[in-house]
């Protein structure tokens, strides 16, 4: 097998890599930062370029104590949000003072054939103390398909207003065969701070 070489001798001078050299499969498309904002909306870049889109939530900090982080999608470029969806949720939590723990299904936070927001934080709520926030990611699969419904998977870690560490798992589907082309993140009530990055997962 022939060896592959970079196009220049010094790494700092390299302008291109040989085609056989692997690169990162996550391609950053867009970054948005909220500062006391009502929502973050991605109305471009969500198209058929990638089979999977991944959204990373970094230091999502609500202005309203105990508010839940949530999302919805659009089929009309963000003119409206509210695609019918069904999902399922479970969560694990542990109190900071070690007084209680739980691993359980969250029937009060799931949705069934509704156009409501999907709760990312699974009704635990995010604290608005100076050091409190939530982090996590959402994977949205093949949003441009006109054949299948659109599945998603969310994993989120929350520092709750009652000093709880909560790991929330949410998965579901948007029950439409129309292509999705926009997505919006917001608190269930009030504004928030934080950063969301949108990546495309490269086709192998």
N, C-alpha and C. Protein backbone atom coordinates (compact mmCIF):
# COMPACT_ATOMS: atom_id res chain seq x y z
N UNK A 1 0.85 -1.20 0.00
CA UNK A 1 0.00 0.00 0.00
C UNK A 1 0.88 1.24 0.00
N UNK A 2 0.59 2.18 -0.87
CA UNK A 2 1.39 3.40 -0.98
C UNK A 2 1.19 4.29 0.22
N UNK A 3 2.27 4.95 0.68
CA UNK A 3 2.18 5.88 1.79
C UNK A 3 1.55 7.19 1.33
N UNK A 4 0.80 7.84 2.22
CA UNK A 4 0.19 9.13 1.93
C UNK A 4 0.96 10.21 2.67
N UNK A 5 1.29 11.30 1.97
CA UNK A 5 2.05 12.39 2.57
C UNK A 5 1.26 13.69 2.50
N UNK A 6 1.47 14.55 3.51
CA UNK A 6 0.91 15.89 3.45
C UNK A 6 1.58 16.65 2.31
N UNK A 7 0.93 17.69 1.84
CA UNK A 7 1.43 18.41 0.66
C UNK A 7 2.64 19.28 0.96
N UNK A 8 2.93 19.56 2.26
CA UNK A 8 4.10 20.34 2.63
C UNK A 8 4.86 19.60 3.72
N UNK A 9 6.16 19.90 3.85
CA UNK A 9 6.97 19.21 4.83
C UNK A 9 6.65 19.60 6.26
N UNK A 10 6.34 20.86 6.51
CA UNK A 10 6.04 21.35 7.85
C UNK A 10 4.54 21.39 8.07
N UNK A 11 4.10 20.87 9.21
CA UNK A 11 2.66 20.84 9.49
C UNK A 11 2.05 22.23 9.46
N UNK A 12 2.80 23.22 9.95
CA UNK A 12 2.28 24.59 9.98
C UNK A 12 2.06 25.15 8.59
N UNK A 13 2.74 24.57 7.59
CA UNK A 13 2.61 25.04 6.21
C UNK A 13 1.61 24.22 5.39
N UNK A 14 1.05 23.19 6.01
CA UNK A 14 0.15 22.31 5.28
C UNK A 14 -1.14 23.03 4.90
N UNK A 15 -1.48 22.98 3.63
CA UNK A 15 -2.69 23.64 3.13
C UNK A 15 -3.77 22.65 2.73
N UNK A 16 -3.39 21.37 2.57
CA UNK A 16 -4.35 20.35 2.19
C UNK A 16 -3.86 18.99 2.68
N UNK A 17 -4.81 18.11 2.98
CA UNK A 17 -4.48 16.75 3.40
C UNK A 17 -4.81 15.78 2.28
N UNK A 18 -4.07 14.67 2.19
CA UNK A 18 -4.41 13.64 1.21
C UNK A 18 -5.82 13.13 1.46
N UNK A 19 -6.46 12.64 0.43
CA UNK A 19 -7.85 12.21 0.54
C UNK A 19 -8.03 11.06 1.51
N UNK A 20 -6.98 10.27 1.74
CA UNK A 20 -7.09 9.12 2.63
C UNK A 20 -6.97 9.49 4.10
N UNK A 21 -6.58 10.73 4.41
CA UNK A 21 -6.44 11.15 5.80
C UNK A 21 -7.81 11.51 6.35
N UNK A 22 -8.25 10.84 7.44
CA UNK A 22 -9.58 11.12 7.97
C UNK A 22 -9.66 12.49 8.62
N UNK A 23 -10.81 13.13 8.55
CA UNK A 23 -11.05 14.40 9.22
C UNK A 23 -12.26 14.25 10.12
N UNK A 24 -12.55 15.27 10.91
CA UNK A 24 -13.65 15.21 11.87
C UNK A 24 -14.98 14.97 11.16
N UNK A 25 -15.77 14.06 11.71
CA UNK A 25 -17.08 13.76 11.12
C UNK A 25 -18.14 14.78 11.50
N UNK A 26 -17.88 15.60 12.53
CA UNK A 26 -18.81 16.65 12.91
C UNK A 26 -18.38 17.96 12.25
N UNK A 27 -19.25 18.49 11.42
CA UNK A 27 -18.96 19.72 10.69
C UNK A 27 -19.77 20.86 11.31
N UNK A 28 -19.08 21.85 11.90
CA UNK A 28 -19.78 22.97 12.51
C UNK A 28 -20.45 23.82 11.42
N UNK A 29 -21.75 24.00 11.55
CA UNK A 29 -22.51 24.78 10.58
C UNK A 29 -22.78 26.19 11.10
N UNK A 30 -23.19 26.28 12.37
CA UNK A 30 -23.60 27.57 12.90
C UNK A 30 -23.50 27.57 14.42
N UNK A 31 -23.18 28.75 14.99
CA UNK A 31 -23.16 28.96 16.43
C UNK A 31 -23.99 30.18 16.76
N UNK A 32 -24.87 30.06 17.75
CA UNK A 32 -25.66 31.20 18.20
C UNK A 32 -25.58 31.29 19.72
N UNK A 33 -25.48 32.52 20.21
CA UNK A 33 -25.39 32.76 21.64
C UNK A 33 -26.54 33.65 22.09
N UNK A 34 -27.25 33.20 23.12
CA UNK A 34 -28.36 33.96 23.69
C UNK A 34 -27.86 34.81 24.84
N UNK A 35 -28.36 36.03 24.93
CA UNK A 35 -28.08 36.92 26.06
C UNK A 35 -29.40 37.56 26.46
N UNK A 36 -30.02 36.99 27.48
CA UNK A 36 -31.36 37.40 27.91
C UNK A 36 -32.32 37.37 26.70
N UNK A 37 -32.26 36.27 25.96
CA UNK A 37 -33.02 36.13 24.71
C UNK A 37 -34.25 35.24 24.91
N UNK A 38 -35.27 35.49 24.10
CA UNK A 38 -36.49 34.68 24.17
C UNK A 38 -36.30 33.32 23.53
N UNK A 39 -35.44 33.23 22.51
CA UNK A 39 -35.22 31.96 21.83
C UNK A 39 -33.96 32.02 20.99
N UNK A 40 -33.52 30.87 20.54
CA UNK A 40 -32.51 30.73 19.50
C UNK A 40 -33.13 29.90 18.39
N UNK A 41 -33.14 30.44 17.18
CA UNK A 41 -33.74 29.76 16.04
C UNK A 41 -32.71 29.56 14.94
N UNK A 42 -32.64 28.34 14.42
CA UNK A 42 -31.79 28.04 13.26
C UNK A 42 -32.71 27.90 12.06
N UNK A 43 -32.70 28.91 11.19
CA UNK A 43 -33.61 28.95 10.04
C UNK A 43 -32.88 28.74 8.72
N UNK A 44 -31.59 28.44 8.79
CA UNK A 44 -30.83 28.09 7.59
C UNK A 44 -29.82 27.02 7.97
N UNK A 45 -29.39 26.25 6.99
CA UNK A 45 -28.40 25.21 7.23
C UNK A 45 -28.99 23.85 7.54
N UNK A 46 -30.29 23.80 7.87
CA UNK A 46 -30.95 22.51 8.14
C UNK A 46 -31.60 22.05 6.85
N UNK A 47 -30.90 21.18 6.14
CA UNK A 47 -31.33 20.78 4.80
C UNK A 47 -30.86 19.35 4.52
N UNK A 48 -30.78 18.99 3.27
CA UNK A 48 -30.42 17.63 2.91
C UNK A 48 -28.94 17.37 2.80
N UNK A 49 -28.10 18.31 3.20
CA UNK A 49 -26.65 18.12 3.09
C UNK A 49 -26.17 16.97 3.96
N UNK A 50 -26.76 16.83 5.16
CA UNK A 50 -26.34 15.79 6.10
C UNK A 50 -27.52 14.92 6.48
N UNK A 51 -27.23 13.66 6.82
CA UNK A 51 -28.27 12.75 7.27
C UNK A 51 -28.64 12.98 8.72
N UNK A 52 -27.69 13.49 9.51
CA UNK A 52 -27.92 13.73 10.93
C UNK A 52 -27.42 15.13 11.27
N UNK A 53 -28.19 15.86 12.07
CA UNK A 53 -27.78 17.17 12.59
C UNK A 53 -27.71 17.07 14.11
N UNK A 54 -26.61 17.58 14.66
CA UNK A 54 -26.42 17.53 16.11
C UNK A 54 -26.34 18.95 16.66
N UNK A 55 -27.11 19.20 17.70
CA UNK A 55 -27.14 20.50 18.37
C UNK A 55 -26.57 20.33 19.77
N UNK A 56 -25.55 21.12 20.11
CA UNK A 56 -24.94 21.06 21.43
C UNK A 56 -25.34 22.29 22.22
N UNK A 57 -25.84 22.06 23.44
CA UNK A 57 -26.26 23.14 24.33
C UNK A 57 -25.15 23.38 25.34
N UNK A 58 -24.71 24.61 25.46
CA UNK A 58 -23.60 24.94 26.34
C UNK A 58 -24.03 26.03 27.32
N UNK A 59 -24.02 25.70 28.61
CA UNK A 59 -24.33 26.65 29.68
C UNK A 59 -25.64 27.40 29.44
N UNK A 60 -26.72 26.63 29.29
CA UNK A 60 -28.05 27.23 29.14
C UNK A 60 -28.54 27.66 30.52
N UNK A 61 -28.72 28.96 30.68
CA UNK A 61 -28.99 29.56 31.99
C UNK A 61 -30.28 30.38 31.91
N UNK A 62 -31.36 29.90 32.55
CA UNK A 62 -32.64 30.62 32.46
C UNK A 62 -32.64 31.87 33.33
N UNK A 63 -33.43 32.87 32.92
CA UNK A 63 -33.65 34.04 33.76
C UNK A 63 -34.77 33.78 34.77
N UNK A 64 -35.60 32.75 34.52
CA UNK A 64 -36.67 32.37 35.43
C UNK A 64 -36.27 31.08 36.15
N UNK A 65 -36.23 31.12 37.47
CA UNK A 65 -35.79 29.96 38.25
C UNK A 65 -36.72 28.77 38.04
N UNK A 66 -36.12 27.61 37.75
CA UNK A 66 -36.90 26.39 37.58
C UNK A 66 -37.57 26.23 36.23
N UNK A 67 -37.26 27.11 35.27
CA UNK A 67 -37.87 26.99 33.94
C UNK A 67 -37.27 25.80 33.20
N UNK A 68 -38.06 25.22 32.30
CA UNK A 68 -37.62 24.09 31.50
C UNK A 68 -37.14 24.54 30.13
N UNK A 69 -36.07 23.91 29.65
CA UNK A 69 -35.55 24.15 28.31
C UNK A 69 -36.31 23.25 27.35
N UNK A 70 -36.65 23.77 26.15
CA UNK A 70 -37.53 23.04 25.24
C UNK A 70 -37.22 23.40 23.79
N UNK A 71 -37.85 22.67 22.85
CA UNK A 71 -37.65 22.96 21.42
C UNK A 71 -38.87 22.55 20.61
N UNK A 72 -38.93 23.08 19.39
CA UNK A 72 -39.91 22.69 18.37
C UNK A 72 -39.27 22.92 17.02
N UNK A 73 -39.92 22.39 15.96
CA UNK A 73 -39.38 22.48 14.61
C UNK A 73 -40.40 23.10 13.66
N UNK A 74 -39.92 23.36 12.44
CA UNK A 74 -40.75 24.04 11.44
C UNK A 74 -40.57 23.38 10.08
N UNK A 75 -41.62 23.43 9.28
CA UNK A 75 -41.56 22.97 7.89
C UNK A 75 -41.63 24.13 6.91
N UNK A 76 -41.70 25.37 7.43
CA UNK A 76 -41.84 26.54 6.55
C UNK A 76 -40.77 27.59 6.81
N UNK A 77 -39.57 27.13 7.14
CA UNK A 77 -38.44 28.06 7.29
C UNK A 77 -38.48 28.89 8.55
N UNK A 78 -39.31 28.52 9.50
CA UNK A 78 -39.37 29.26 10.75
C UNK A 78 -40.50 30.27 10.83
N UNK A 79 -41.36 30.30 9.82
CA UNK A 79 -42.53 31.19 9.90
C UNK A 79 -43.45 30.78 11.04
N UNK A 80 -43.49 29.48 11.32
CA UNK A 80 -44.25 28.97 12.47
C UNK A 80 -43.59 27.69 12.96
N UNK A 81 -43.79 27.41 14.24
CA UNK A 81 -43.26 26.19 14.86
C UNK A 81 -44.42 25.45 15.51
N UNK A 82 -44.47 24.15 15.34
CA UNK A 82 -45.55 23.38 15.93
C UNK A 82 -45.89 22.16 15.11
N UNK A 83 -44.90 21.30 14.86
CA UNK A 83 -45.11 20.07 14.12
C UNK A 83 -45.55 18.98 15.10
N UNK A 84 -46.54 18.20 14.72
CA UNK A 84 -47.07 17.15 15.59
C UNK A 84 -45.98 16.13 15.93
N UNK A 85 -45.88 15.80 17.22
CA UNK A 85 -44.83 14.89 17.66
C UNK A 85 -45.32 13.99 18.80
N UNK A 86 -44.61 12.89 18.96
CA UNK A 86 -44.78 11.98 20.09
C UNK A 86 -43.40 11.65 20.62
N UNK A 87 -43.25 11.65 21.96
CA UNK A 87 -41.94 11.28 22.51
C UNK A 87 -42.07 10.50 23.80
N UNK A 88 -40.94 10.08 24.33
CA UNK A 88 -40.86 9.33 25.57
C UNK A 88 -39.69 9.88 26.38
N UNK A 89 -39.78 9.80 27.72
CA UNK A 89 -38.76 10.40 28.57
C UNK A 89 -38.49 9.55 29.81
N UNK A 90 -37.23 9.50 30.20
CA UNK A 90 -36.91 9.01 31.54
C UNK A 90 -35.76 9.83 32.07
N UNK A 91 -35.53 9.75 33.37
CA UNK A 91 -34.53 10.60 33.99
C UNK A 91 -33.93 9.91 35.22
N UNK A 92 -32.71 10.30 35.52
CA UNK A 92 -32.07 9.93 36.77
C UNK A 92 -31.71 11.22 37.49
N UNK A 93 -31.92 11.25 38.81
CA UNK A 93 -31.48 12.43 39.54
C UNK A 93 -30.91 12.05 40.90
N UNK A 94 -30.13 12.98 41.44
CA UNK A 94 -29.46 12.78 42.72
C UNK A 94 -29.35 14.12 43.42
N UNK A 95 -29.91 14.21 44.63
CA UNK A 95 -29.84 15.46 45.38
C UNK A 95 -28.41 15.72 45.86
N UNK A 96 -28.04 16.99 45.87
CA UNK A 96 -26.71 17.38 46.29
C UNK A 96 -26.41 16.97 47.73
N UNK A 97 -27.42 16.97 48.58
CA UNK A 97 -27.22 16.57 49.98
C UNK A 97 -27.38 15.06 50.19
N UNK A 98 -27.51 14.31 49.09
CA UNK A 98 -27.62 12.85 49.12
C UNK A 98 -28.90 12.37 49.78
N UNK A 99 -29.92 13.23 49.84
CA UNK A 99 -31.15 12.86 50.53
C UNK A 99 -32.10 12.03 49.68
N UNK A 100 -31.95 12.07 48.35
CA UNK A 100 -32.87 11.32 47.49
C UNK A 100 -32.23 11.06 46.13
N UNK A 101 -32.60 9.92 45.54
CA UNK A 101 -32.18 9.57 44.19
C UNK A 101 -33.38 8.95 43.47
N UNK A 102 -33.30 8.93 42.13
CA UNK A 102 -34.38 8.30 41.38
C UNK A 102 -33.92 7.96 39.97
N UNK A 103 -34.40 6.86 39.45
CA UNK A 103 -34.31 6.52 38.03
C UNK A 103 -35.70 6.07 37.63
N UNK A 104 -36.38 6.87 36.79
CA UNK A 104 -37.79 6.58 36.53
C UNK A 104 -38.25 7.17 35.21
N UNK A 105 -39.32 6.57 34.67
CA UNK A 105 -39.99 7.14 33.51
C UNK A 105 -40.68 8.43 33.91
N UNK A 106 -40.68 9.43 33.01
CA UNK A 106 -41.28 10.72 33.31
C UNK A 106 -42.55 10.89 32.47
N UNK A 107 -43.65 10.33 32.96
CA UNK A 107 -44.90 10.40 32.22
C UNK A 107 -45.53 11.77 32.17
N UNK A 108 -45.16 12.64 33.11
CA UNK A 108 -45.74 13.99 33.11
C UNK A 108 -45.02 14.93 32.17
N UNK A 109 -43.87 14.51 31.62
CA UNK A 109 -43.12 15.38 30.72
C UNK A 109 -43.16 14.96 29.26
N UNK A 110 -43.70 13.76 28.98
CA UNK A 110 -43.74 13.31 27.59
C UNK A 110 -44.93 13.92 26.86
N UNK A 111 -44.97 13.75 25.55
CA UNK A 111 -46.08 14.27 24.74
C UNK A 111 -46.55 13.18 23.79
N UNK A 112 -47.83 13.25 23.39
CA UNK A 112 -48.40 12.28 22.46
C UNK A 112 -49.25 13.01 21.43
N UNK A 113 -48.79 13.02 20.20
CA UNK A 113 -49.50 13.64 19.09
C UNK A 113 -49.95 15.06 19.42
N UNK A 114 -48.97 15.87 19.78
CA UNK A 114 -49.24 17.26 20.12
C UNK A 114 -48.30 18.16 19.35
N UNK A 115 -48.68 19.42 19.22
CA UNK A 115 -47.81 20.41 18.59
C UNK A 115 -47.11 21.27 19.64
N UNK A 116 -47.19 20.85 20.91
CA UNK A 116 -46.54 21.59 21.99
C UNK A 116 -45.02 21.48 21.89
N UNK A 117 -44.33 22.28 22.72
CA UNK A 117 -42.89 22.18 22.85
C UNK A 117 -42.51 20.81 23.43
N UNK A 118 -41.36 20.30 23.04
CA UNK A 118 -40.80 19.11 23.66
C UNK A 118 -39.83 19.57 24.74
N UNK A 119 -40.06 19.10 25.99
CA UNK A 119 -39.20 19.49 27.09
C UNK A 119 -37.88 18.73 27.03
N UNK A 120 -36.79 19.46 26.99
CA UNK A 120 -35.46 18.87 27.01
C UNK A 120 -35.06 18.49 28.42
N UNK A 121 -35.45 19.31 29.39
CA UNK A 121 -35.03 19.09 30.77
C UNK A 121 -36.03 18.25 31.56
N UNK A 122 -36.98 17.65 30.91
CA UNK A 122 -37.85 16.61 31.48
C UNK A 122 -38.51 17.01 32.78
N UNK A 123 -38.97 18.24 32.86
CA UNK A 123 -39.72 18.77 34.00
C UNK A 123 -38.93 18.85 35.31
N UNK A 124 -37.64 18.70 35.24
CA UNK A 124 -36.81 18.93 36.43
C UNK A 124 -36.62 20.44 36.63
N UNK A 125 -36.50 21.18 35.54
CA UNK A 125 -36.31 22.62 35.62
C UNK A 125 -34.86 22.98 35.87
N UNK A 126 -34.44 24.11 35.32
CA UNK A 126 -33.05 24.56 35.43
C UNK A 126 -32.98 25.71 36.42
N UNK A 127 -32.02 25.66 37.32
CA UNK A 127 -31.85 26.75 38.28
C UNK A 127 -31.30 28.00 37.63
N UNK A 128 -31.64 29.17 38.18
CA UNK A 128 -31.10 30.42 37.64
C UNK A 128 -30.11 31.08 38.58
N UNK A 129 -29.57 30.30 39.54
CA UNK A 129 -28.49 30.81 40.37
C UNK A 129 -27.27 31.11 39.53
N UNK A 130 -26.34 31.88 40.08
CA UNK A 130 -25.18 32.33 39.32
C UNK A 130 -24.37 31.18 38.73
N UNK A 131 -24.37 30.01 39.41
CA UNK A 131 -23.57 28.89 38.94
C UNK A 131 -24.42 27.76 38.36
N UNK A 132 -25.70 28.00 38.09
CA UNK A 132 -26.61 26.94 37.65
C UNK A 132 -26.90 27.05 36.15
N UNK A 133 -26.97 25.89 35.49
CA UNK A 133 -27.24 25.86 34.05
C UNK A 133 -27.54 24.43 33.65
N UNK A 134 -27.78 24.22 32.36
CA UNK A 134 -27.88 22.87 31.82
C UNK A 134 -27.04 22.77 30.55
N UNK A 135 -26.65 21.54 30.23
CA UNK A 135 -25.85 21.27 29.03
C UNK A 135 -26.40 20.00 28.37
N UNK A 136 -26.04 19.75 27.14
CA UNK A 136 -26.47 18.52 26.50
C UNK A 136 -26.42 18.59 24.99
N UNK A 137 -27.11 17.64 24.36
CA UNK A 137 -27.12 17.61 22.89
C UNK A 137 -28.42 16.99 22.39
N UNK A 138 -28.74 17.31 21.15
CA UNK A 138 -29.90 16.75 20.46
C UNK A 138 -29.45 16.28 19.09
N UNK A 139 -29.80 15.06 18.72
CA UNK A 139 -29.56 14.55 17.38
C UNK A 139 -30.88 14.47 16.63
N UNK A 140 -30.93 15.10 15.46
CA UNK A 140 -32.12 15.09 14.60
C UNK A 140 -31.75 14.33 13.33
N UNK A 141 -32.50 13.28 13.03
CA UNK A 141 -32.14 12.35 11.97
C UNK A 141 -32.92 12.61 10.69
N UNK A 142 -32.18 12.76 9.61
CA UNK A 142 -32.72 12.87 8.25
C UNK A 142 -33.92 13.82 8.17
N UNK A 143 -33.74 15.08 8.59
CA UNK A 143 -34.88 16.02 8.62
C UNK A 143 -35.44 16.35 7.25
N UNK A 144 -34.67 16.12 6.19
CA UNK A 144 -35.15 16.47 4.85
C UNK A 144 -35.90 15.33 4.16
N UNK A 145 -36.05 14.21 4.83
CA UNK A 145 -36.76 13.08 4.23
C UNK A 145 -38.21 13.45 3.92
N UNK A 146 -38.67 13.03 2.77
CA UNK A 146 -40.09 13.18 2.42
C UNK A 146 -40.78 11.81 2.40
N UNK A 147 -40.11 10.82 3.00
CA UNK A 147 -40.65 9.46 3.08
C UNK A 147 -40.99 9.06 4.51
N UNK A 148 -40.09 9.41 5.45
CA UNK A 148 -40.22 8.94 6.82
C UNK A 148 -40.52 10.07 7.80
N UNK A 149 -41.03 9.69 8.98
CA UNK A 149 -41.13 10.64 10.09
C UNK A 149 -39.72 11.00 10.53
N UNK A 150 -39.58 12.06 11.36
CA UNK A 150 -38.26 12.57 11.72
C UNK A 150 -37.96 12.28 13.19
N UNK A 151 -37.04 11.37 13.42
CA UNK A 151 -36.70 10.95 14.78
C UNK A 151 -35.67 11.89 15.40
N UNK A 152 -35.70 11.97 16.74
CA UNK A 152 -34.70 12.72 17.48
C UNK A 152 -34.39 12.04 18.80
N UNK A 153 -33.19 12.29 19.31
CA UNK A 153 -32.72 11.78 20.60
C UNK A 153 -32.04 12.92 21.33
N UNK A 154 -32.38 13.11 22.62
CA UNK A 154 -31.81 14.18 23.44
C UNK A 154 -31.21 13.59 24.71
N UNK A 155 -30.03 14.08 25.08
CA UNK A 155 -29.46 13.78 26.40
C UNK A 155 -29.05 15.11 27.01
N UNK A 156 -29.44 15.31 28.27
CA UNK A 156 -29.26 16.61 28.91
C UNK A 156 -28.90 16.43 30.37
N UNK A 157 -27.97 17.25 30.85
CA UNK A 157 -27.60 17.26 32.26
C UNK A 157 -27.96 18.64 32.84
N UNK A 158 -28.69 18.63 33.96
CA UNK A 158 -29.22 19.85 34.54
C UNK A 158 -28.79 20.03 35.98
N UNK A 159 -28.43 21.26 36.32
CA UNK A 159 -28.26 21.65 37.72
C UNK A 159 -29.57 22.34 38.10
N UNK A 160 -30.34 21.65 38.93
CA UNK A 160 -31.69 22.10 39.25
C UNK A 160 -31.69 23.17 40.34
N UNK A 161 -32.77 23.94 40.38
CA UNK A 161 -32.91 25.01 41.36
C UNK A 161 -32.89 24.49 42.80
N UNK A 162 -33.23 23.21 43.00
CA UNK A 162 -33.24 22.62 44.34
C UNK A 162 -31.96 21.84 44.62
N UNK A 163 -30.88 22.19 43.92
CA UNK A 163 -29.58 21.54 44.08
C UNK A 163 -29.66 20.05 43.75
N UNK A 164 -30.17 19.76 42.56
CA UNK A 164 -30.29 18.39 42.07
C UNK A 164 -29.47 18.25 40.79
N UNK A 165 -28.73 17.16 40.69
CA UNK A 165 -28.11 16.76 39.43
C UNK A 165 -29.09 15.85 38.71
N UNK A 166 -29.54 16.25 37.53
CA UNK A 166 -30.55 15.48 36.80
C UNK A 166 -30.04 15.17 35.40
N UNK A 167 -30.06 13.89 35.05
CA UNK A 167 -29.69 13.43 33.71
C UNK A 167 -30.98 13.01 33.00
N UNK A 168 -31.34 13.75 31.95
CA UNK A 168 -32.63 13.57 31.29
C UNK A 168 -32.44 12.95 29.90
N UNK A 169 -33.27 11.99 29.56
CA UNK A 169 -33.22 11.31 28.27
C UNK A 169 -34.58 11.47 27.60
N UNK A 170 -34.58 12.02 26.41
CA UNK A 170 -35.81 12.27 25.66
C UNK A 170 -35.62 11.74 24.24
N UNK A 171 -36.60 11.04 23.72
CA UNK A 171 -36.54 10.55 22.34
C UNK A 171 -37.94 10.52 21.76
N UNK A 172 -38.03 10.84 20.48
CA UNK A 172 -39.35 10.84 19.86
C UNK A 172 -39.26 11.05 18.37
N UNK A 173 -40.40 11.40 17.79
CA UNK A 173 -40.44 11.66 16.35
C UNK A 173 -41.47 12.74 16.04
N UNK A 174 -41.14 13.53 15.02
CA UNK A 174 -42.10 14.48 14.47
C UNK A 174 -42.88 13.73 13.39
N UNK A 175 -44.18 13.67 13.57
CA UNK A 175 -45.02 12.80 12.76
C UNK A 175 -45.43 13.49 11.45
N UNK A 176 -44.43 13.68 10.61
CA UNK A 176 -44.66 14.31 9.30
C UNK A 176 -43.67 13.74 8.30
N UNK A 177 -44.11 13.64 7.06
CA UNK A 177 -43.20 13.28 5.98
C UNK A 177 -42.78 14.51 5.18
N UNK A 178 -43.16 15.68 5.66
CA UNK A 178 -42.69 16.94 5.07
C UNK A 178 -41.31 17.25 5.63
N UNK A 179 -40.43 17.78 4.81
CA UNK A 179 -39.08 18.10 5.23
C UNK A 179 -39.09 19.17 6.32
N UNK A 180 -38.26 18.99 7.35
CA UNK A 180 -38.06 20.00 8.38
C UNK A 180 -36.92 20.92 7.94
N UNK A 181 -37.08 22.24 8.14
CA UNK A 181 -36.02 23.15 7.69
C UNK A 181 -35.71 24.27 8.68
N UNK A 182 -36.22 24.18 9.89
CA UNK A 182 -35.88 25.16 10.93
C UNK A 182 -36.17 24.54 12.28
N UNK A 183 -35.45 25.00 13.30
CA UNK A 183 -35.63 24.50 14.66
C UNK A 183 -35.45 25.65 15.63
N UNK A 184 -36.23 25.65 16.71
CA UNK A 184 -36.18 26.74 17.68
C UNK A 184 -36.05 26.17 19.09
N UNK A 185 -35.16 26.79 19.89
CA UNK A 185 -34.95 26.43 21.28
C UNK A 185 -35.36 27.60 22.15
N UNK A 186 -36.02 27.31 23.27
CA UNK A 186 -36.46 28.36 24.18
C UNK A 186 -36.73 27.76 25.55
N UNK A 187 -36.84 28.63 26.55
CA UNK A 187 -37.32 28.18 27.84
C UNK A 187 -38.84 28.09 27.79
N UNK A 188 -39.40 27.20 28.57
CA UNK A 188 -40.85 27.09 28.61
C UNK A 188 -41.48 28.39 29.12
N UNK A 189 -40.71 29.13 29.93
CA UNK A 189 -41.14 30.47 30.36
C UNK A 189 -39.90 31.32 30.58
N UNK A 190 -39.96 32.59 30.17
CA UNK A 190 -38.86 33.52 30.40
C UNK A 190 -37.73 33.41 29.38
N UNK A 191 -36.76 34.28 29.53
CA UNK A 191 -35.60 34.35 28.64
C UNK A 191 -34.45 33.51 29.18
N UNK A 192 -33.36 33.46 28.40
CA UNK A 192 -32.22 32.66 28.82
C UNK A 192 -30.92 33.18 28.21
N UNK A 193 -29.81 32.71 28.77
CA UNK A 193 -28.47 32.92 28.23
C UNK A 193 -27.91 31.56 27.83
N UNK A 194 -26.89 31.58 26.98
CA UNK A 194 -26.23 30.32 26.63
C UNK A 194 -25.90 30.24 25.15
N UNK A 195 -25.22 29.17 24.78
CA UNK A 195 -24.76 28.98 23.41
C UNK A 195 -25.26 27.64 22.88
N UNK A 196 -25.69 27.64 21.61
CA UNK A 196 -26.07 26.42 20.92
C UNK A 196 -25.29 26.34 19.62
N UNK A 197 -24.69 25.20 19.38
CA UNK A 197 -23.94 24.96 18.14
C UNK A 197 -24.66 23.91 17.31
N UNK A 198 -24.76 24.15 16.01
CA UNK A 198 -25.37 23.19 15.09
C UNK A 198 -24.28 22.56 14.23
N UNK A 199 -24.23 21.23 14.25
CA UNK A 199 -23.26 20.47 13.46
C UNK A 199 -23.99 19.57 12.47
N UNK A 200 -23.33 19.29 11.35
CA UNK A 200 -23.77 18.25 10.46
C UNK A 200 -22.86 17.05 10.65
N UNK A 201 -23.43 15.86 10.63
CA UNK A 201 -22.65 14.64 10.75
C UNK A 201 -22.35 14.15 9.35
N UNK A 202 -21.06 14.12 9.03
CA UNK A 202 -20.62 13.80 7.68
C UNK A 202 -21.03 12.38 7.29
N UNK A 203 -21.51 12.23 6.06
CA UNK A 203 -21.83 10.91 5.54
C UNK A 203 -20.53 10.13 5.31
N UNK A 204 -20.49 8.88 5.76
CA UNK A 204 -19.26 8.09 5.59
C UNK A 204 -19.27 7.38 4.24
